[in-house]
Amino acid sequence: MEKFESMQAFALSWALVFLFTVFVAAVIWAFWPSNKRGQDEAARSIFRNEDRPASDARGS
């Protein structure tokens, strides 16, 4: 039982450090200035093939 408790303590402490590091890396990557062009393109991609506004489907 002692081995289980030591493995559990290791997993709880170092897994937290690992996941926090992955989170910080993802946030830094998302806000890195060189990624702005790709993110702006992705944001505009849903409007790429629109040439007029959507019609009002409510029938008013």
PDB file of N, CA and C in Angstrom:
ATOM      1  N   MET A   1       0.818  -1.197   0.000  1.00  0.00           N
ATOM      2  CA  MET A   1       0.000   0.000   0.000  1.00  0.00           C
ATOM      3  C   MET A   1       0.857   1.254   0.000  1.00  0.00           C
ATOM      4  N   GLU A   2       2.065   1.128   0.536  1.00  0.00           N
ATOM      5  CA  GLU A   2       2.949   2.285   0.590  1.00  0.00           C
ATOM      6  C   GLU A   2       3.384   2.709  -0.814  1.00  0.00           C
ATOM      7  N   LYS A   3       3.574   1.736  -1.692  1.00  0.00           N
ATOM      8  CA  LYS A   3       3.972   2.043  -3.065  1.00  0.00           C
ATOM      9  C   LYS A   3       2.853   2.813  -3.777  1.00  0.00           C
ATOM     10  N   PHE A   4       1.611   2.405  -3.578  1.00  0.00           N
ATOM     11  CA  PHE A   4       0.482   3.092  -4.186  1.00  0.00           C
ATOM     12  C   PHE A   4       0.409   4.542  -3.723  1.00  0.00           C
ATOM     13  N   GLU A   5       0.571   4.766  -2.430  1.00  0.00           N
ATOM     14  CA  GLU A   5       0.495   6.121  -1.893  1.00  0.00           C
ATOM     15  C   GLU A   5       1.623   6.998  -2.415  1.00  0.00           C
ATOM     16  N   SER A   6       2.814   6.433  -2.544  1.00  0.00           N
ATOM     17  CA  SER A   6       3.923   7.227  -3.069  1.00  0.00           C
ATOM     18  C   SER A   6       3.712   7.536  -4.555  1.00  0.00           C
ATOM     19  N   MET A   7       3.196   6.579  -5.315  1.00  0.00           N
ATOM     20  CA  MET A   7       2.908   6.827  -6.734  1.00  0.00           C
ATOM     21  C   MET A   7       1.781   7.841  -6.892  1.00  0.00           C
ATOM     22  N   GLN A   8       0.800   7.780  -6.009  1.00  0.00           N
ATOM     23  CA  GLN A   8      -0.297   8.732  -6.058  1.00  0.00           C
ATOM     24  C   GLN A   8       0.203  10.136  -5.759  1.00  0.00           C
ATOM     25  N   ALA A   9       1.046  10.279  -4.763  1.00  0.00           N
ATOM     26  CA  ALA A   9       1.599  11.586  -4.422  1.00  0.00           C
ATOM     27  C   ALA A   9       2.442  12.130  -5.571  1.00  0.00           C
ATOM     28  N   PHE A  10       3.226  11.264  -6.198  1.00  0.00           N
ATOM     29  CA  PHE A  10       4.023  11.684  -7.344  1.00  0.00           C
ATOM     30  C   PHE A  10       3.126  12.145  -8.490  1.00  0.00           C
ATOM     31  N   ALA A  11       2.088  11.387  -8.776  1.00  0.00           N
ATOM     32  CA  ALA A  11       1.186  11.733  -9.871  1.00  0.00           C
ATOM     33  C   ALA A  11       0.452  13.036  -9.598  1.00  0.00           C
ATOM     34  N   LEU A  12       0.025  13.227  -8.370  1.00  0.00           N
ATOM     35  CA  LEU A  12      -0.715  14.443  -8.042  1.00  0.00           C
ATOM     36  C   LEU A  12       0.169  15.677  -8.116  1.00  0.00           C
ATOM     37  N   SER A  13       1.403  15.567  -7.702  1.00  0.00           N
ATOM     38  CA  SER A  13       2.263  16.746  -7.701  1.00  0.00           C
ATOM     39  C   SER A  13       2.856  17.011  -9.085  1.00  0.00           C
ATOM     40  N   TRP A  14       3.487  16.017  -9.702  1.00  0.00           N
ATOM     41  CA  TRP A  14       4.166  16.263 -10.969  1.00  0.00           C
ATOM     42  C   TRP A  14       3.209  16.338 -12.147  1.00  0.00           C
ATOM     43  N   ALA A  15       2.078  15.676 -12.069  1.00  0.00           N
ATOM     44  CA  ALA A  15       1.085  15.819 -13.131  1.00  0.00           C
ATOM     45  C   ALA A  15       0.538  17.240 -13.150  1.00  0.00           C
ATOM     46  N   LEU A  16       0.364  17.820 -11.987  1.00  0.00           N
ATOM     47  CA  LEU A  16      -0.086  19.207 -11.909  1.00  0.00           C
ATOM     48  C   LEU A  16       0.943  20.139 -12.540  1.00  0.00           C
ATOM     49  N   VAL A  17       2.193  19.936 -12.239  1.00  0.00           N
ATOM     50  CA  VAL A  17       3.257  20.756 -12.825  1.00  0.00           C
ATOM     51  C   VAL A  17       3.286  20.575 -14.341  1.00  0.00           C
ATOM     52  N   PHE A  18       3.192  19.337 -14.811  1.00  0.00           N
ATOM     53  CA  PHE A  18       3.213  19.066 -16.241  1.00  0.00           C
ATOM     54  C   PHE A  18       2.038  19.719 -16.950  1.00  0.00           C
ATOM     55  N   LEU A  19       0.824  19.547 -16.437  1.00  0.00           N
ATOM     56  CA  LEU A  19      -0.349  20.116 -17.080  1.00  0.00           C
ATOM     57  C   LEU A  19      -0.343  21.642 -17.043  1.00  0.00           C
ATOM     58  N   PHE A  20       0.154  22.226 -15.965  1.00  0.00           N
ATOM     59  CA  PHE A  20       0.275  23.672 -15.901  1.00  0.00           C
ATOM     60  C   PHE A  20       1.279  24.172 -16.937  1.00  0.00           C
ATOM     61  N   THR A  21       2.375  23.459 -17.122  1.00  0.00           N
ATOM     62  CA  THR A  21       3.367  23.825 -18.128  1.00  0.00           C
ATOM     63  C   THR A  21       2.780  23.739 -19.535  1.00  0.00           C
ATOM     64  N   VAL A  22       2.005  22.710 -19.804  1.00  0.00           N
ATOM     65  CA  VAL A  22       1.355  22.580 -21.106  1.00  0.00           C
ATOM     66  C   VAL A  22       0.373  23.730 -21.326  1.00  0.00           C
ATOM     67  N   PHE A  23      -0.378  24.088 -20.306  1.00  0.00           N
ATOM     68  CA  PHE A  23      -1.321  25.203 -20.403  1.00  0.00           C
ATOM     69  C   PHE A  23      -0.602  26.511 -20.705  1.00  0.00           C
ATOM     70  N   VAL A  24       0.464  26.800 -19.985  1.00  0.00           N
ATOM     71  CA  VAL A  24       1.222  28.034 -20.204  1.00  0.00           C
ATOM     72  C   VAL A  24       1.807  28.053 -21.616  1.00  0.00           C
ATOM     73  N   ALA A  25       2.325  26.922 -22.077  1.00  0.00           N
ATOM     74  CA  ALA A  25       2.881  26.853 -23.432  1.00  0.00           C
ATOM     75  C   ALA A  25       1.794  27.105 -24.479  1.00  0.00           C
ATOM     76  N   ALA A  26       0.603  26.569 -24.275  1.00  0.00           N
ATOM     77  CA  ALA A  26      -0.492  26.789 -25.224  1.00  0.00           C
ATOM     78  C   ALA A  26      -0.922  28.251 -25.259  1.00  0.00           C
ATOM     79  N   VAL A  27      -0.969  28.889 -24.111  1.00  0.00           N
ATOM     80  CA  VAL A  27      -1.345  30.301 -24.061  1.00  0.00           C
ATOM     81  C   VAL A  27      -0.281  31.163 -24.733  1.00  0.00           C
ATOM     82  N   ILE A  28       0.984  30.864 -24.474  1.00  0.00           N
ATOM     83  CA  ILE A  28       2.064  31.623 -25.111  1.00  0.00           C
ATOM     84  C   ILE A  28       2.012  31.422 -26.623  1.00  0.00           C
ATOM     85  N   TRP A  29       1.799  30.189 -27.076  1.00  0.00           N
ATOM     86  CA  TRP A  29       1.719  29.937 -28.508  1.00  0.00           C
ATOM     87  C   TRP A  29       0.544  30.682 -29.139  1.00  0.00           C
ATOM     88  N   ALA A  30      -0.591  30.713 -28.460  1.00  0.00           N
ATOM     89  CA  ALA A  30      -1.781  31.368 -29.012  1.00  0.00           C
ATOM     90  C   ALA A  30      -1.584  32.869 -29.162  1.00  0.00           C
ATOM     91  N   PHE A  31      -0.848  33.489 -28.250  1.00  0.00           N
ATOM     92  CA  PHE A  31      -0.673  34.936 -28.292  1.00  0.00           C
ATOM     93  C   PHE A  31       0.670  35.359 -28.891  1.00  0.00           C
ATOM     94  N   TRP A  32       1.436  34.415 -29.443  1.00  0.00           N
ATOM     95  CA  TRP A  32       2.721  34.743 -30.055  1.00  0.00           C
ATOM     96  C   TRP A  32       2.474  35.615 -31.288  1.00  0.00           C
ATOM     97  N   PRO A  33       3.188  36.731 -31.421  1.00  0.00           N
ATOM     98  CA  PRO A  33       2.917  37.667 -32.516  1.00  0.00           C
ATOM     99  C   PRO A  33       3.005  37.062 -33.922  1.00  0.00           C
ATOM    100  N   SER A  34       3.871  36.104 -34.155  1.00  0.00           N
ATOM    101  CA  SER A  34       3.992  35.546 -35.500  1.00  0.00           C
ATOM    102  C   SER A  34       2.799  34.669 -35.881  1.00  0.00           C
ATOM    103  N   ASN A  35       1.959  34.281 -34.943  1.00  0.00           N
ATOM    104  CA  ASN A  35       0.774  33.469 -35.230  1.00  0.00           C
ATOM    105  C   ASN A  35      -0.446  34.316 -35.563  1.00  0.00           C
ATOM    106  N   LYS A  36      -0.332  35.631 -35.490  1.00  0.00           N
ATOM    107  CA  LYS A  36      -1.472  36.522 -35.696  1.00  0.00           C
ATOM    108  C   LYS A  36      -2.070  36.375 -37.095  1.00  0.00           C
ATOM    109  N   ARG A  37      -1.226  36.257 -38.109  1.00  0.00           N
ATOM    110  CA  ARG A  37      -1.728  36.171 -39.483  1.00  0.00           C
ATOM    111  C   ARG A  37      -2.617  34.938 -39.671  1.00  0.00           C
ATOM    112  N   GLY A  38      -2.185  33.798 -39.190  1.00  0.00           N
ATOM    113  CA  GLY A  38      -2.985  32.585 -39.314  1.00  0.00           C
ATOM    114  C   GLY A  38      -4.276  32.646 -38.523  1.00  0.00           C
ATOM    115  N   GLN A  39      -4.225  33.260 -37.359  1.00  0.00           N
ATOM    116  CA  GLN A  39      -5.435  33.376 -36.541  1.00  0.00           C
ATOM    117  C   GLN A  39      -6.424  34.356 -37.162  1.00  0.00           C
ATOM    118  N   ASP A  40      -5.925  35.447 -37.744  1.00  0.00           N
ATOM    119  CA  ASP A  40      -6.820  36.376 -38.431  1.00  0.00           C
ATOM    120  C   ASP A  40      -7.464  35.724 -39.653  1.00  0.00           C
ATOM    121  N   GLU A  41      -6.691  34.927 -40.376  1.00  0.00           N
ATOM    122  CA  GLU A  41      -7.240  34.219 -41.531  1.00  0.00           C
ATOM    123  C   GLU A  41      -8.314  33.220 -41.093  1.00  0.00           C
ATOM    124  N   ALA A  42      -8.084  32.515 -40.013  1.00  0.00           N
ATOM    125  CA  ALA A  42      -9.076  31.567 -39.501  1.00  0.00           C
ATOM    126  C   ALA A  42     -10.342  32.289 -39.045  1.00  0.00           C
ATOM    127  N   ALA A  43     -10.182  33.464 -38.461  1.00  0.00           N
ATOM    128  CA  ALA A  43     -11.347  34.222 -37.997  1.00  0.00           C
ATOM    129  C   ALA A  43     -12.192  34.717 -39.167  1.00  0.00           C
ATOM    130  N   ARG A  44     -11.554  35.049 -40.275  1.00  0.00           N
ATOM    131  CA  ARG A  44     -12.289  35.548 -41.445  1.00  0.00           C
ATOM    132  C   ARG A  44     -12.756  34.435 -42.372  1.00  0.00           C
ATOM    133  N   SER A  45     -12.338  33.210 -42.158  1.00  0.00           N
ATOM    134  CA  SER A  45     -12.637  32.128 -43.095  1.00  0.00           C
ATOM    135  C   SER A  45     -14.129  31.829 -43.197  1.00  0.00           C
ATOM    136  N   ILE A  46     -14.889  32.069 -42.153  1.00  0.00           N
ATOM    137  CA  ILE A  46     -16.325  31.781 -42.234  1.00  0.00           C
ATOM    138  C   ILE A  46     -17.056  32.769 -43.131  1.00  0.00           C
ATOM    139  N   PHE A  47     -16.428  33.909 -43.424  1.00  0.00           N
ATOM    140  CA  PHE A  47     -17.041  34.913 -44.291  1.00  0.00           C
ATOM    141  C   PHE A  47     -16.460  34.878 -45.703  1.00  0.00           C
ATOM    142  N   ARG A  48     -15.592  33.937 -46.001  1.00  0.00           N
ATOM    143  CA  ARG A  48     -14.844  33.932 -47.256  1.00  0.00           C
ATOM    144  C   ARG A  48     -15.742  33.887 -48.481  1.00  0.00           C
ATOM    145  N   ASN A  49     -16.799  33.094 -48.483  1.00  0.00           N
ATOM    146  CA  ASN A  49     -17.627  32.909 -49.679  1.00  0.00           C
ATOM    147  C   ASN A  49     -18.928  33.698 -49.631  1.00  0.00           C
ATOM    148  N   GLU A  50     -19.019  34.666 -48.762  1.00  0.00           N
ATOM    149  CA  GLU A  50     -20.238  35.462 -48.695  1.00  0.00           C
ATOM    150  C   GLU A  50     -20.102  36.690 -49.577  1.00  0.00           C
ATOM    151  N   ASP A  51     -21.112  36.919 -50.394  1.00  0.00           N
ATOM    152  CA  ASP A  51     -21.108  38.118 -51.217  1.00  0.00           C
ATOM    153  C   ASP A  51     -22.328  38.984 -50.955  1.00  0.00           C
ATOM    154  N   ARG A  52     -23.191  38.543 -50.056  1.00  0.00           N
ATOM    155  CA  ARG A  52     -24.341  39.345 -49.645  1.00  0.00           C
ATOM    156  C   ARG A  52     -24.788  38.902 -48.249  1.00  0.00           C
ATOM    157  N   PRO A  53     -25.523  39.758 -47.547  1.00  0.00           N
ATOM    158  CA  PRO A  53     -25.998  39.379 -46.203  1.00  0.00           C
ATOM    159  C   PRO A  53     -27.018  38.246 -46.265  1.00  0.00           C
ATOM    160  N   ALA A  54     -27.137  37.526 -45.195  1.00  0.00           N
ATOM    161  CA  ALA A  54     -28.115  36.433 -45.124  1.00  0.00           C
ATOM    162  C   ALA A  54     -29.520  37.002 -45.133  1.00  0.00           C
ATOM    163  N   SER A  55     -30.454  36.265 -45.725  1.00  0.00           N
ATOM    164  CA  SER A  55     -31.845  36.732 -45.760  1.00  0.00           C
ATOM    165  C   SER A  55     -32.487  36.512 -44.397  1.00  0.00           C
ATOM    166  N   ASP A  56     -33.532  37.265 -44.143  1.00  0.00           N
ATOM    167  CA  ASP A  56     -34.269  37.130 -42.886  1.00  0.00           C
ATOM    168  C   ASP A  56     -35.217  35.943 -43.008  1.00  0.00           C
ATOM    169  N   ALA A  57     -34.973  34.889 -42.249  1.00  0.00           N
ATOM    170  CA  ALA A  57     -35.758  33.660 -42.361  1.00  0.00           C
ATOM    171  C   ALA A  57     -37.032  33.677 -41.514  1.00  0.00           C
ATOM    172  N   ARG A  58     -37.274  34.772 -40.812  1.00  0.00           N
ATOM    173  CA  ARG A  58     -38.440  34.828 -39.929  1.00  0.00           C
ATOM    174  C   ARG A  58     -39.725  35.110 -40.705  1.00  0.00           C
ATOM    175  N   GLY A  59     -39.629  35.543 -41.932  1.00  0.00           N
ATOM    176  CA  GLY A  59     -40.820  35.784 -42.743  1.00  0.00           C
ATOM    177  C   GLY A  59     -41.482  37.110 -42.475  1.00  0.00           C
ATOM    178  N   SER A  60     -40.789  38.052 -41.877  1.00  0.00           N
ATOM    179  CA  SER A  60     -41.377  39.364 -41.574  1.00  0.00           C
ATOM    180  C   SER A  60     -41.328  40.278 -42.770  1.00  0.00           C
TER     181      SER A  60
END
